[in-house]
Structure formats: C-alpha cells, structure tokens
Amino acid sequence: MAISKRLRYEILKRDGFACRYCHRDKVIITVDHVIPQALGGSDHPSNLVASCDDCNAGKASALPGGTTVRDVPPFMLQWARAMRGPDAFLVEAAILLWCRRYEGTHDAAPDDDLVDDARQEIASAYSVLSGHVAEFFDGAQHAGGTGEFDIFRAAEEIHDIESTEDAARAWSDAWLTAVGDLPDEESLNTVRRALTRLVAAGADATAVTVAAVYAGSHATRALHFGLTDKQAKSIGIYAPAQRVIDLWSLAWRQACGRWPGVRERKAVRQSLWAVGIDGVHWEADVSAAALAAGAHQSTDLFPGLPLKLSAVGAAERLNAGVR
C-alpha cells in the first residue's frame, strides 16, 4: 500500500524536514521505511522517517497541515543504519540464527511477531556488540534457544557457561595429576553444579578456577580455596572445616601414598563435627589433630586433641551449639 501524501508530509514535519540518518536539511528529502517492506516493514508512522536522496533514493510529495505523528524508536534507526552499511549481512545472519535455534528447541517456527521483536532487539544489540561479532552471534543463538530477545543477557549466560566449563576442565586435569586417573562422571557433574552456583552467585571466574584447581589437586569435590566464606557457604561448604579436612587428607596421602576414599572422608567429617570448630579460636588445635590422624590413617580426631578439647569439653561445645 502506497504512503499517502498527507502521511508523507506529517513524517517530514515531524522530522524537521531533515534526514534522520545523516541529519542534513538542505537536500531533497523523501520518506523511507526503516524496516523495508520486503522484510515485513509497515506503513505505520513508527516505521517511517525522513531521508535524503543519498540515504534512500526517491522523491517526496506532501500536503500541508496536520499534527506531529508518533516518533520512530531509536533502536529502529540503529537497525536501519546497520542495514545500509556492510554490516547488514551480519545482522540478518544473526536473525536467521535466532530463528533456526528457536525452531530447533520449540519444534515450531517463530511467528511473524516474534521475528519482528527479535529483529529489533538484535539490531539494537549489534549497535553495541559490532566489535564482538562472535559474542554477538553466540548471544543470538542462545537467545533463540530460550525464546528470548535479550542478546546481552544471553551473551552473559554463555560467558558464565564457558567459565564453568573451563573451571570444570581445570578441576578434572588437576584431579588426574593428583590421582593418576580421571574423576568419575558423578563427581564431575557434582563439581559442575557447584561451579554453576558459584558463578551465578557472582564469584569471579579466576577465583572459581583457582578453587577448582586446588580441590582437584587435593582429590576432593569440595570447593573453597580462594573463595569468601559466603561464597563457599552458597555451595554448602563450611570453609574452616574443609581446610581441616584438606590437611587431614594430605597427611593421609603422605603416609600411605594414596588419597582417602569417599567413606574415609565422610567418617573424618563426622568426627570433625563431633569435635566442633568455629574457625577462629579452635581451628589450629583441630588442624593439629587432623594432621596426626591423617598420618596414622585414622578418621578419629579426638586422640590428637589437646586437653582443653577433651571429649567432655567437645560435648559441652556441641550442647552450646558450636558448629
């Protein structure tokens, strides 16, 4: 459907009789579809702008009168500029990737309204991510898979996933070096879940990787080294207690040449909680007991405790709720 002369004039008046793309006014001005009609663009005022001959060939005709019509959203102008440059192919390619991933995960092609929404968001995102094409394409695909349009959030989610996988591989490599064999799939998935929670909680990627390498080198799935107590707590780890268990496991390995198994770690953890530790006043004493127990391949920490942490004293601390 052709644009009426009346509407043309209203668009030109709204835009100050200057090109919305290059802002020149002392040139021939016509009316242009921001999203081309061939791509589904409508004749609605929100999709029409004043344009010079250099930006869009054509000529205008108009009638006087009328009021200012609805303005064009900024993201549509960003998209239009991109589509007039060499980056047009990249934007359309990202839209195609979004549509294909959507169809692959939803078993149905997106309808026209969804595609229009995706096009607007992708165009807007490209104006910011034009210098990061790989991130831009990855974000478009990931967003299509979830049926969303936020390319920036999708790109961040991909970065988080990559950080998690990098840390998981680092943990697995460290475990292989320490044990001489790869960890089982259950252990790897447990670590992945913990890493995912850490990243989601805002832990720095470097800190997460360091914690993973340290845990793997100690043949444990418990991540804590380099993390704040709050971050460790978010994955169910009480850092002071885990530090003691790490010392115990190192002493055990030095004594017999192998790392303690899952049952042995569980037993020493139960012994540790029976002793009680608050991580400030008693950690040094309990650590010494753990070293002694590990050196004797024992999971019982009580024999190595100083007098002030006798069984009676430990019981009193338990009754007082010290964990």
Protein backbone atom coordinates (compact mmCIF):
# COMPACT_ATOMS: atom_id res chain seq x y z
CA MET A 1 0.00 0.00 0.00
CA ALA A 2 1.42 3.40 -1.04
CA ILE A 3 2.06 6.07 1.59
CA SER A 4 -0.44 8.92 1.28
CA LYS A 5 0.73 12.43 0.56
CA ARG A 6 -0.78 13.56 3.82
CA LEU A 7 1.19 10.99 5.82
CA ARG A 8 4.38 11.85 3.93
CA TYR A 9 4.04 15.48 4.93
CA GLU A 10 3.35 14.57 8.55
CA ILE A 11 6.51 12.45 8.65
CA LEU A 12 8.61 15.24 7.11
CA LYS A 13 7.16 17.77 9.52
CA ARG A 14 7.79 15.53 12.49
CA ASP A 15 11.44 15.05 11.48
CA GLY A 16 12.02 18.76 10.89
CA PHE A 17 12.37 18.34 7.11
CA ALA A 18 15.86 16.87 7.71
CA CYS A 19 17.27 13.42 7.03
CA ARG A 20 17.05 11.24 10.16
CA TYR A 21 20.09 9.27 9.05
CA CYS A 22 22.62 11.99 8.20
CA HIS A 23 20.73 15.00 9.65
CA ARG A 24 21.17 17.14 6.51
CA ASP A 25 18.31 19.51 5.66
CA LYS A 26 19.45 21.39 2.57
CA VAL A 27 18.90 18.41 0.32
CA ILE A 28 15.95 16.69 -1.30
CA ILE A 29 14.08 14.81 1.41
CA THR A 30 11.77 11.83 0.93
CA VAL A 31 10.11 9.32 3.26
CA ASP A 32 11.76 5.97 3.88
CA HIS A 33 10.66 2.70 5.52
CA VAL A 34 13.05 1.99 8.42
CA ILE A 35 12.36 -1.73 8.14
CA PRO A 36 11.96 -2.36 4.39
CA GLN A 37 8.56 -3.54 3.21
CA ALA A 38 10.24 -6.60 1.72
CA LEU A 39 11.21 -7.59 5.26
CA GLY A 40 7.78 -7.01 6.69
CA GLY A 41 8.02 -3.27 7.43
CA SER A 42 4.69 -1.47 7.71
CA ASP A 43 3.44 1.99 6.72
CA HIS A 44 2.92 2.90 10.38
CA PRO A 45 4.50 6.26 11.35
CA SER A 46 6.79 4.43 13.80
CA ASN A 47 8.41 2.74 10.77
CA LEU A 48 8.72 5.87 8.60
CA VAL A 49 11.44 8.53 8.62
CA ALA A 50 12.55 11.48 6.53
CA SER A 51 15.50 10.52 4.34
CA CYS A 52 17.73 12.30 1.83
CA ASP A 53 18.38 11.01 -1.69
CA ASP A 54 21.85 9.82 -0.70
CA CYS A 55 20.42 7.66 2.10
CA ASN A 56 17.40 6.48 0.20
CA ALA A 57 16.71 7.29 -3.46
CA GLY A 58 13.27 8.74 -4.23
CA LYS A 59 11.30 11.93 -4.08
CA ALA A 60 8.59 13.24 -1.84
CA SER A 61 5.20 14.90 -2.24
CA ALA A 62 3.08 16.19 0.60
CA LEU A 63 0.04 18.23 1.65
CA PRO A 64 0.15 20.92 4.34
CA GLY A 65 -1.49 20.75 7.74
CA GLY A 66 -1.86 18.03 10.33
CA THR A 67 -0.26 17.32 13.69
CA THR A 68 3.03 15.68 14.58
CA VAL A 69 2.76 11.91 14.46
CA ARG A 70 4.35 9.24 16.63
CA ASP A 71 8.16 9.21 16.58
CA VAL A 72 10.41 6.36 15.48
CA PRO A 73 12.05 4.30 18.26
CA PRO A 74 15.87 4.84 18.39
CA PHE A 75 16.65 1.13 18.00
CA MET A 76 14.90 1.12 14.62
CA LEU A 77 17.18 3.88 13.39
CA GLN A 78 20.18 1.90 14.63
CA TRP A 79 18.94 -1.11 12.71
CA ALA A 80 18.34 0.96 9.57
CA ARG A 81 21.86 2.39 9.66
CA ALA A 82 23.30 -1.08 10.00
CA MET A 83 21.20 -2.36 7.12
CA ARG A 84 22.53 0.41 4.87
CA GLY A 85 26.13 -0.49 5.57
CA PRO A 86 28.37 -3.53 5.08
CA ASP A 87 27.10 -4.96 8.39
CA ALA A 88 23.60 -5.63 7.01
CA PHE A 89 24.52 -9.24 6.27
CA LEU A 90 25.74 -9.83 9.83
CA VAL A 91 22.51 -8.51 11.35
CA GLU A 92 20.34 -10.63 9.05
CA ALA A 93 22.57 -13.66 9.66
CA ALA A 94 22.10 -13.25 13.42
CA ILE A 95 18.32 -13.05 12.93
CA LEU A 96 18.46 -16.25 10.89
CA LEU A 97 20.50 -17.97 13.63
CA TRP A 98 17.95 -16.86 16.22
CA CYS A 99 15.06 -18.25 14.14
CA ARG A 100 16.77 -21.58 13.48
CA ARG A 101 17.70 -22.13 17.12
CA TYR A 102 14.16 -21.18 18.17
CA GLU A 103 12.69 -23.70 15.73
CA GLY A 104 15.11 -26.38 16.85
CA THR A 105 14.20 -26.09 20.53
CA HIS A 106 10.47 -25.34 20.19
CA ASP A 107 9.68 -27.71 17.28
CA ALA A 108 7.93 -24.84 15.51
CA ALA A 109 8.97 -21.80 13.56
CA PRO A 110 8.56 -18.44 15.33
CA ASP A 111 5.60 -16.38 14.17
CA ASP A 112 6.00 -13.03 12.44
CA ASP A 113 5.52 -11.01 15.63
CA LEU A 114 8.28 -12.92 17.41
CA VAL A 115 10.62 -12.46 14.46
CA ASP A 116 9.91 -8.72 14.40
CA ASP A 117 10.65 -8.47 18.13
CA ALA A 118 13.83 -10.49 17.68
CA ARG A 119 14.89 -8.30 14.75
CA GLN A 120 14.52 -5.13 16.78
CA GLU A 121 16.50 -6.48 19.75
CA ILE A 122 19.23 -8.00 17.58
CA ALA A 123 19.62 -4.75 15.63
CA SER A 124 19.89 -2.78 18.84
CA ALA A 125 22.40 -5.24 20.28
CA TYR A 126 24.57 -5.07 17.16
CA SER A 127 24.98 -1.32 17.54
CA VAL A 128 26.82 -2.11 20.80
CA LEU A 129 28.41 -5.51 20.01
CA SER A 130 29.57 -4.74 16.47
CA GLY A 131 33.18 -5.10 17.60
CA HIS A 132 32.49 -8.53 19.12
CA VAL A 133 30.93 -10.49 16.28
CA ALA A 134 31.45 -13.95 17.78
CA GLU A 135 29.82 -12.87 21.04
CA PHE A 136 27.00 -11.26 19.05
CA PHE A 137 26.26 -14.45 17.09
CA ASP A 138 26.55 -16.68 20.16
CA GLY A 139 24.14 -14.43 22.04
CA ALA A 140 21.64 -14.51 19.16
CA GLN A 141 21.69 -18.31 19.03
CA HIS A 142 21.42 -18.72 22.78
CA ALA A 143 18.52 -16.26 22.95
CA GLY A 144 16.74 -18.12 20.16
CA GLY A 145 17.06 -21.36 22.07
CA THR A 146 15.36 -19.87 25.12
CA GLY A 147 12.81 -17.93 23.08
CA GLU A 148 14.02 -14.62 24.47
CA PHE A 149 15.26 -11.44 22.81
CA ASP A 150 17.84 -10.11 25.26
CA ILE A 151 21.09 -10.65 23.37
CA PHE A 152 23.20 -9.04 26.09
CA ARG A 153 21.89 -11.36 28.82
CA ALA A 154 22.26 -14.34 26.50
CA ALA A 155 25.89 -13.39 25.85
CA GLU A 156 26.49 -13.12 29.60
CA GLU A 157 24.90 -16.52 30.18
CA ILE A 158 27.19 -18.03 27.55
CA HIS A 159 30.19 -16.44 29.25
CA ASP A 160 29.08 -17.94 32.58
CA ILE A 161 28.66 -21.36 30.98
CA GLU A 162 32.10 -21.15 29.39
CA SER A 163 33.64 -20.05 32.70
CA THR A 164 32.01 -23.01 34.43
CA GLU A 165 33.22 -25.49 31.82
CA ASP A 166 36.74 -24.05 31.88
CA ALA A 167 36.87 -24.43 35.65
CA ALA A 168 35.43 -27.96 35.47
CA ARG A 169 38.14 -28.97 32.99
CA ALA A 170 40.78 -27.41 35.24
CA TRP A 171 39.43 -29.42 38.20
CA SER A 172 39.44 -32.63 36.16
CA ASP A 173 43.02 -32.06 34.95
CA ALA A 174 44.19 -31.33 38.49
CA TRP A 175 42.45 -34.50 39.73
CA LEU A 176 44.15 -36.54 37.01
CA THR A 177 47.55 -35.20 38.03
CA ALA A 178 46.90 -35.91 41.73
CA VAL A 179 45.25 -39.33 41.44
CA GLY A 180 46.58 -40.66 38.16
CA ASP A 181 43.11 -41.27 36.76
CA LEU A 182 40.18 -39.17 35.57
CA PRO A 183 37.35 -38.47 38.02
CA ASP A 184 34.09 -40.37 37.59
CA GLU A 185 31.18 -38.67 35.84
CA GLU A 186 29.16 -38.29 39.03
CA SER A 187 31.97 -36.36 40.72
CA LEU A 188 32.48 -34.18 37.65
CA ASN A 189 28.78 -33.33 37.49
CA THR A 190 28.77 -32.53 41.21
CA VAL A 191 31.62 -30.09 40.70
CA ARG A 192 29.90 -28.59 37.65
CA ARG A 193 26.78 -27.88 39.69
CA ALA A 194 28.83 -26.25 42.43
CA LEU A 195 30.72 -24.14 39.89
CA THR A 196 27.46 -23.06 38.27
CA ARG A 197 26.10 -21.92 41.62
CA LEU A 198 29.30 -20.02 42.37
CA VAL A 199 29.23 -18.18 39.05
CA ALA A 200 25.53 -17.42 39.48
CA ALA A 201 26.33 -16.03 42.94
CA GLY A 202 28.77 -13.58 41.36
CA ALA A 203 32.07 -15.30 42.11
CA ASP A 204 34.92 -14.09 39.90
CA ALA A 205 35.88 -16.51 37.10
CA THR A 206 39.54 -16.52 38.18
CA ALA A 207 38.65 -17.25 41.81
CA VAL A 208 36.34 -20.08 40.73
CA THR A 209 39.08 -21.63 38.59
CA VAL A 210 41.63 -21.37 41.39
CA ALA A 211 39.20 -23.07 43.79
CA ALA A 212 38.61 -25.82 41.23
CA VAL A 213 42.32 -26.46 40.63
CA TYR A 214 43.01 -26.57 44.38
CA ALA A 215 40.15 -29.00 45.00
CA GLY A 216 41.18 -31.23 42.11
CA SER A 217 44.80 -31.31 43.27
CA HIS A 218 43.55 -32.50 46.67
CA ALA A 219 41.30 -35.14 45.09
CA THR A 220 38.16 -33.61 46.52
CA ARG A 221 34.92 -32.20 45.14
CA ALA A 222 34.71 -29.58 47.88
CA LEU A 223 35.49 -26.10 46.51
CA HIS A 224 36.63 -23.47 48.98
CA PHE A 225 40.21 -22.29 48.41
CA GLY A 226 40.32 -18.61 47.46
CA LEU A 227 36.58 -18.16 47.98
CA THR A 228 34.98 -16.00 50.63
CA ASP A 229 33.21 -17.85 53.42
CA LYS A 230 29.92 -16.54 51.99
CA GLN A 231 30.69 -17.91 48.53
CA ALA A 232 31.71 -21.29 49.95
CA LYS A 233 28.56 -21.37 52.05
CA SER A 234 26.46 -20.81 48.90
CA ILE A 235 27.54 -24.28 47.72
CA GLY A 236 27.18 -25.93 51.11
CA ILE A 237 30.84 -25.75 52.16
CA TYR A 238 31.94 -24.58 55.62
CA ALA A 239 35.42 -23.31 54.71
CA PRO A 240 37.15 -23.67 58.13
CA ALA A 241 36.06 -27.30 58.38
CA GLN A 242 37.11 -28.03 54.79
CA ARG A 243 40.55 -26.59 55.45
CA VAL A 244 40.99 -29.09 58.28
CA ILE A 245 39.82 -31.96 56.08
CA ASP A 246 42.29 -30.92 53.38
CA LEU A 247 45.16 -31.06 55.89
CA TRP A 248 43.99 -34.48 57.08
CA SER A 249 43.79 -35.83 53.51
CA LEU A 250 47.29 -34.51 52.68
CA ALA A 251 48.74 -36.20 55.77
CA TRP A 252 46.91 -39.40 54.85
CA ARG A 253 48.35 -39.36 51.34
CA GLN A 254 51.88 -38.68 52.62
CA ALA A 255 51.56 -41.65 54.95
CA CYS A 256 50.29 -44.30 52.55
CA GLY A 257 50.73 -42.90 49.05
CA ARG A 258 47.04 -42.66 48.19
CA TRP A 259 44.21 -40.23 48.80
CA PRO A 260 41.49 -41.20 51.27
CA GLY A 261 38.29 -42.54 49.75
CA VAL A 262 34.73 -41.26 49.97
CA ARG A 263 33.87 -43.38 53.06
CA GLU A 264 37.00 -42.25 54.88
CA ARG A 265 36.31 -38.60 54.09
CA LYS A 266 32.75 -39.00 55.32
CA ALA A 267 33.97 -40.59 58.57
CA VAL A 268 36.50 -37.83 59.30
CA ARG A 269 33.88 -35.19 58.53
CA GLN A 270 31.57 -36.77 61.11
CA SER A 271 34.44 -36.84 63.61
CA LEU A 272 35.16 -33.18 62.89
CA TRP A 273 31.60 -32.10 63.56
CA ALA A 274 31.60 -34.14 66.76
CA VAL A 275 34.64 -32.14 67.88
CA GLY A 276 33.19 -28.79 66.96
CA ILE A 277 35.04 -25.95 65.24
CA ASP A 278 34.28 -22.25 64.87
CA GLY A 279 37.15 -21.35 62.54
CA VAL A 280 38.59 -18.66 64.84
CA HIS A 281 39.71 -19.91 68.26
CA TRP A 282 39.87 -23.65 67.72
CA GLU A 283 40.88 -24.26 64.10
CA ALA A 284 44.62 -24.51 64.88
CA ASP A 285 44.05 -27.15 67.56
CA VAL A 286 41.72 -29.20 65.42
CA SER A 287 44.09 -28.87 62.44
CA ALA A 288 46.92 -30.36 64.50
CA ALA A 289 44.65 -33.25 65.50
CA ALA A 290 43.68 -33.77 61.86
CA LEU A 291 47.33 -33.92 60.77
CA ALA A 292 48.05 -36.50 63.45
CA ALA A 293 45.00 -38.60 62.48
CA GLY A 294 45.87 -38.47 58.79
CA ALA A 295 49.45 -39.51 59.42
CA HIS A 296 48.12 -42.59 61.22
CA GLN A 297 45.46 -43.24 58.57
CA SER A 298 42.75 -42.68 61.13
CA THR A 299 39.44 -40.84 60.81
CA ASP A 300 39.18 -40.17 64.56
CA LEU A 301 40.34 -36.68 65.54
CA PHE A 302 39.80 -36.99 69.31
CA PRO A 303 43.11 -38.70 70.21
CA GLY A 304 45.13 -35.77 68.85
CA LEU A 305 43.18 -33.03 70.62
CA PRO A 306 44.77 -31.04 73.45
CA LEU A 307 43.35 -31.36 76.93
CA LYS A 308 41.08 -28.34 76.56
CA LEU A 309 39.27 -30.17 73.78
CA SER A 310 38.70 -33.40 75.62
CA ALA A 311 35.58 -35.41 74.91
CA VAL A 312 33.82 -33.67 77.80
CA GLY A 313 34.78 -30.24 76.51
CA ALA A 314 33.73 -31.12 72.99
CA ALA A 315 30.38 -32.35 74.27
CA GLU A 316 29.89 -29.08 76.13
CA ARG A 317 30.65 -27.15 72.94
CA LEU A 318 28.19 -29.27 71.00
CA ASN A 319 25.50 -28.63 73.57
CA ALA A 320 26.23 -24.93 73.25
CA GLY A 321 25.54 -25.19 69.50
CA VAL A 322 29.10 -24.55 68.25
CA ARG A 323 29.44 -25.99 64.76
